[in-house]
Amino acid sequence: MPNVEKVSIALTPEMAAVVRQAVESGDYASNSEIVREALRDWKLKRALQQQEVEELRRLWQEGLHSGPSRFAGMADLKAEARRRLEAQSQPGA
């Protein structure tokens, strides 16, 4: 790898043992390979989380722009949810 920067990281003894075992078992060629894969996975996870947050924001705005609620408050909303739950759990529903 022509463009690499060496960094030092601290791991708990348990994490260090997992890394050593992965290299010793042949799953990975080096500690660095494990860290690089972990960072790729972390970046992907962060990107997916950001997409989820953006989707929630979009849905929130869509809800706000859809007009007033048909429920007067949270108590009414909970009562409707309970009514629907009971209706679903009734035999033949």
N, C-alpha and C. Protein backbone atom coordinates (compact mmCIF):
# COMPACT_ATOMS: atom_id res chain seq x y z
N MET A 1 0.83 -1.17 0.00
CA MET A 1 0.00 0.00 0.00
C MET A 1 0.88 1.23 0.00
N PRO A 2 0.84 1.99 -1.06
CA PRO A 2 1.75 3.13 -1.16
C PRO A 2 1.39 4.28 -0.22
N ASN A 3 0.12 4.58 -0.03
CA ASN A 3 -0.28 5.72 0.81
C ASN A 3 -0.94 5.23 2.09
N VAL A 4 -0.13 4.96 3.09
CA VAL A 4 -0.66 4.53 4.37
C VAL A 4 -0.09 5.41 5.47
N GLU A 5 -0.87 5.55 6.50
CA GLU A 5 -0.41 6.28 7.68
C GLU A 5 -0.54 5.34 8.86
N LYS A 6 0.54 5.22 9.60
CA LYS A 6 0.49 4.35 10.77
C LYS A 6 -0.10 5.12 11.94
N VAL A 7 -1.03 4.45 12.63
CA VAL A 7 -1.62 5.02 13.83
C VAL A 7 -1.57 3.97 14.93
N SER A 8 -1.61 4.43 16.14
CA SER A 8 -1.59 3.52 17.28
C SER A 8 -3.00 3.54 17.89
N ILE A 9 -3.52 2.36 18.22
CA ILE A 9 -4.83 2.28 18.86
C ILE A 9 -4.71 1.47 20.14
N ALA A 10 -5.61 1.74 21.06
CA ALA A 10 -5.64 1.00 22.33
C ALA A 10 -6.89 0.13 22.32
N LEU A 11 -6.72 -1.13 22.67
CA LEU A 11 -7.83 -2.07 22.74
C LEU A 11 -7.88 -2.69 24.13
N THR A 12 -9.06 -3.10 24.53
CA THR A 12 -9.16 -3.86 25.77
C THR A 12 -8.46 -5.20 25.56
N PRO A 13 -8.06 -5.85 26.63
CA PRO A 13 -7.42 -7.17 26.47
C PRO A 13 -8.31 -8.15 25.70
N GLU A 14 -9.62 -8.08 25.93
CA GLU A 14 -10.53 -8.99 25.24
C GLU A 14 -10.55 -8.71 23.74
N MET A 15 -10.60 -7.43 23.37
CA MET A 15 -10.60 -7.09 21.95
C MET A 15 -9.28 -7.46 21.29
N ALA A 16 -8.19 -7.21 21.99
CA ALA A 16 -6.87 -7.56 21.44
C ALA A 16 -6.78 -9.07 21.22
N ALA A 17 -7.34 -9.86 22.14
CA ALA A 17 -7.32 -11.31 22.00
C ALA A 17 -8.12 -11.74 20.77
N VAL A 18 -9.26 -11.09 20.53
CA VAL A 18 -10.09 -11.42 19.38
C VAL A 18 -9.32 -11.12 18.09
N VAL A 19 -8.62 -9.98 18.06
CA VAL A 19 -7.84 -9.61 16.88
C VAL A 19 -6.72 -10.63 16.65
N ARG A 20 -5.99 -10.96 17.72
CA ARG A 20 -4.91 -11.94 17.58
C ARG A 20 -5.44 -13.27 17.07
N GLN A 21 -6.56 -13.72 17.62
CA GLN A 21 -7.13 -15.01 17.23
C GLN A 21 -7.54 -14.99 15.76
N ALA A 22 -8.10 -13.87 15.29
CA ALA A 22 -8.51 -13.78 13.89
C ALA A 22 -7.31 -13.88 12.96
N VAL A 23 -6.20 -13.31 13.36
CA VAL A 23 -4.97 -13.39 12.53
C VAL A 23 -4.38 -14.79 12.62
N GLU A 24 -4.31 -15.33 13.84
CA GLU A 24 -3.73 -16.66 14.03
C GLU A 24 -4.53 -17.75 13.31
N SER A 25 -5.84 -17.57 13.22
CA SER A 25 -6.67 -18.57 12.56
C SER A 25 -6.61 -18.46 11.04
N GLY A 26 -6.03 -17.38 10.55
CA GLY A 26 -5.91 -17.19 9.11
C GLY A 26 -7.10 -16.45 8.50
N ASP A 27 -8.05 -16.03 9.33
CA ASP A 27 -9.18 -15.26 8.80
C ASP A 27 -8.71 -13.93 8.21
N TYR A 28 -7.67 -13.37 8.80
CA TYR A 28 -7.10 -12.10 8.34
C TYR A 28 -5.59 -12.24 8.27
N ALA A 29 -5.00 -11.48 7.38
CA ALA A 29 -3.55 -11.54 7.22
C ALA A 29 -2.82 -10.72 8.27
N SER A 30 -3.48 -9.68 8.80
CA SER A 30 -2.80 -8.81 9.77
C SER A 30 -3.82 -8.08 10.63
N ASN A 31 -3.32 -7.51 11.72
CA ASN A 31 -4.16 -6.67 12.57
C ASN A 31 -4.71 -5.50 11.77
N SER A 32 -3.89 -4.94 10.92
CA SER A 32 -4.30 -3.78 10.12
C SER A 32 -5.48 -4.13 9.20
N GLU A 33 -5.45 -5.33 8.66
CA GLU A 33 -6.55 -5.75 7.78
C GLU A 33 -7.87 -5.78 8.55
N ILE A 34 -7.82 -6.24 9.80
CA ILE A 34 -9.02 -6.29 10.64
C ILE A 34 -9.54 -4.88 10.90
N VAL A 35 -8.64 -3.98 11.25
CA VAL A 35 -9.04 -2.60 11.55
C VAL A 35 -9.60 -1.93 10.30
N ARG A 36 -8.98 -2.15 9.15
CA ARG A 36 -9.49 -1.56 7.91
C ARG A 36 -10.91 -2.06 7.62
N GLU A 37 -11.14 -3.37 7.78
CA GLU A 37 -12.48 -3.89 7.54
C GLU A 37 -13.48 -3.33 8.55
N ALA A 38 -13.07 -3.23 9.80
CA ALA A 38 -13.95 -2.67 10.82
C ALA A 38 -14.31 -1.22 10.49
N LEU A 39 -13.35 -0.47 10.00
CA LEU A 39 -13.63 0.92 9.64
C LEU A 39 -14.55 1.02 8.43
N ARG A 40 -14.38 0.13 7.45
CA ARG A 40 -15.31 0.11 6.31
C ARG A 40 -16.73 -0.19 6.77
N ASP A 41 -16.85 -1.18 7.65
CA ASP A 41 -18.17 -1.53 8.19
C ASP A 41 -18.76 -0.36 8.97
N TRP A 42 -17.94 0.31 9.76
CA TRP A 42 -18.39 1.46 10.55
C TRP A 42 -18.88 2.58 9.64
N LYS A 43 -18.12 2.84 8.58
CA LYS A 43 -18.54 3.89 7.64
C LYS A 43 -19.88 3.55 6.98
N LEU A 44 -20.05 2.30 6.61
CA LEU A 44 -21.31 1.86 6.01
C LEU A 44 -22.46 2.00 7.00
N LYS A 45 -22.23 1.58 8.23
CA LYS A 45 -23.25 1.70 9.28
C LYS A 45 -23.64 3.16 9.49
N ARG A 46 -22.66 4.03 9.54
CA ARG A 46 -22.94 5.47 9.72
C ARG A 46 -23.74 6.03 8.55
N ALA A 47 -23.40 5.62 7.35
CA ALA A 47 -24.13 6.10 6.17
C ALA A 47 -25.58 5.62 6.21
N LEU A 48 -25.80 4.37 6.60
CA LEU A 48 -27.16 3.84 6.71
C LEU A 48 -27.94 4.56 7.80
N GLN A 49 -27.29 4.85 8.93
CA GLN A 49 -27.95 5.58 10.00
C GLN A 49 -28.35 6.97 9.52
N GLN A 50 -27.48 7.63 8.76
CA GLN A 50 -27.79 8.97 8.25
C GLN A 50 -28.97 8.91 7.30
N GLN A 51 -29.04 7.88 6.47
CA GLN A 51 -30.18 7.73 5.57
C GLN A 51 -31.47 7.55 6.36
N GLU A 52 -31.40 6.77 7.44
CA GLU A 52 -32.58 6.55 8.28
C GLU A 52 -33.03 7.85 8.93
N VAL A 53 -32.08 8.64 9.42
CA VAL A 53 -32.41 9.92 10.04
C VAL A 53 -33.05 10.85 9.01
N GLU A 54 -32.50 10.89 7.81
CA GLU A 54 -33.06 11.74 6.76
C GLU A 54 -34.47 11.28 6.39
N GLU A 55 -34.72 9.98 6.37
CA GLU A 55 -36.05 9.45 6.07
C GLU A 55 -37.03 9.84 7.18
N LEU A 56 -36.60 9.74 8.44
CA LEU A 56 -37.46 10.15 9.54
C LEU A 56 -37.79 11.64 9.47
N ARG A 57 -36.79 12.44 9.14
CA ARG A 57 -37.04 13.89 9.00
C ARG A 57 -38.03 14.16 7.88
N ARG A 58 -37.90 13.44 6.77
CA ARG A 58 -38.81 13.62 5.64
C ARG A 58 -40.23 13.23 6.05
N LEU A 59 -40.35 12.09 6.73
CA LEU A 59 -41.66 11.64 7.17
C LEU A 59 -42.27 12.60 8.19
N TRP A 60 -41.43 13.12 9.07
CA TRP A 60 -41.90 14.09 10.06
C TRP A 60 -42.48 15.32 9.35
N GLN A 61 -41.74 15.85 8.40
CA GLN A 61 -42.21 17.01 7.65
C GLN A 61 -43.48 16.70 6.88
N GLU A 62 -43.53 15.52 6.29
CA GLU A 62 -44.73 15.09 5.56
C GLU A 62 -45.93 15.07 6.50
N GLY A 63 -45.71 14.57 7.70
CA GLY A 63 -46.79 14.53 8.68
C GLY A 63 -47.23 15.93 9.09
N LEU A 64 -46.27 16.81 9.32
CA LEU A 64 -46.61 18.18 9.69
C LEU A 64 -47.41 18.89 8.60
N HIS A 65 -47.04 18.63 7.36
CA HIS A 65 -47.71 19.29 6.23
C HIS A 65 -49.02 18.63 5.82
N SER A 66 -49.33 17.48 6.43
CA SER A 66 -50.55 16.76 6.03
C SER A 66 -51.81 17.34 6.67
N GLY A 67 -51.63 18.26 7.58
CA GLY A 67 -52.79 18.90 8.19
C GLY A 67 -52.95 18.50 9.64
N PRO A 68 -54.00 19.02 10.26
CA PRO A 68 -54.21 18.74 11.68
C PRO A 68 -54.59 17.29 11.92
N SER A 69 -54.28 16.83 13.11
CA SER A 69 -54.61 15.47 13.50
C SER A 69 -56.10 15.34 13.78
N ARG A 70 -56.61 14.15 13.63
CA ARG A 70 -58.02 13.93 13.97
C ARG A 70 -58.17 13.62 15.45
N PHE A 71 -57.04 13.54 16.18
CA PHE A 71 -57.07 13.28 17.61
C PHE A 71 -56.80 14.59 18.36
N ALA A 72 -57.54 14.78 19.45
CA ALA A 72 -57.40 16.02 20.22
C ALA A 72 -56.09 16.06 21.02
N GLY A 73 -55.57 14.90 21.34
CA GLY A 73 -54.34 14.85 22.12
C GLY A 73 -53.81 13.44 22.21
N MET A 74 -52.74 13.29 22.99
CA MET A 74 -52.08 11.99 23.12
C MET A 74 -53.01 10.96 23.76
N ALA A 75 -53.85 11.37 24.72
CA ALA A 75 -54.77 10.43 25.36
C ALA A 75 -55.73 9.84 24.34
N ASP A 76 -56.23 10.66 23.42
CA ASP A 76 -57.14 10.18 22.38
C ASP A 76 -56.42 9.22 21.43
N LEU A 77 -55.19 9.55 21.10
CA LEU A 77 -54.40 8.71 20.21
C LEU A 77 -54.15 7.33 20.85
N LYS A 78 -53.79 7.33 22.14
CA LYS A 78 -53.56 6.07 22.85
C LYS A 78 -54.84 5.24 22.93
N ALA A 79 -55.95 5.91 23.17
CA ALA A 79 -57.23 5.20 23.26
C ALA A 79 -57.55 4.53 21.92
N GLU A 80 -57.31 5.22 20.83
CA GLU A 80 -57.56 4.64 19.50
C GLU A 80 -56.63 3.45 19.25
N ALA A 81 -55.37 3.57 19.66
CA ALA A 81 -54.42 2.47 19.49
C ALA A 81 -54.86 1.26 20.30
N ARG A 82 -55.32 1.50 21.52
CA ARG A 82 -55.80 0.38 22.34
C ARG A 82 -57.04 -0.26 21.71
N ARG A 83 -57.94 0.56 21.19
CA ARG A 83 -59.15 0.04 20.55
C ARG A 83 -58.78 -0.85 19.36
N ARG A 84 -57.83 -0.41 18.56
CA ARG A 84 -57.40 -1.20 17.40
C ARG A 84 -56.73 -2.50 17.83
N LEU A 85 -55.93 -2.44 18.87
CA LEU A 85 -55.25 -3.63 19.37
C LEU A 85 -56.27 -4.65 19.86
N GLU A 86 -57.25 -4.20 20.59
CA GLU A 86 -58.29 -5.10 21.09
C GLU A 86 -59.09 -5.69 19.93
N ALA A 87 -59.39 -4.88 18.92
CA ALA A 87 -60.14 -5.36 17.77
C ALA A 87 -59.36 -6.45 17.04
N GLN A 88 -58.06 -6.32 16.95
CA GLN A 88 -57.22 -7.32 16.28
C GLN A 88 -57.15 -8.62 17.08
N SER A 89 -57.22 -8.52 18.39
CA SER A 89 -57.07 -9.72 19.21
C SER A 89 -58.40 -10.44 19.44
N GLN A 90 -59.49 -9.90 18.90
CA GLN A 90 -60.79 -10.56 19.00
C GLN A 90 -60.85 -11.74 18.04
N PRO A 91 -61.45 -12.85 18.46
CA PRO A 91 -61.60 -13.99 17.55
C PRO A 91 -62.40 -13.58 16.32
N GLY A 92 -61.94 -14.02 15.18
CA GLY A 92 -62.62 -13.70 13.92
C GLY A 92 -62.24 -12.35 13.35
N ALA A 93 -61.30 -11.67 13.99
CA ALA A 93 -60.90 -10.34 13.49
C ALA A 93 -59.87 -10.46 12.41
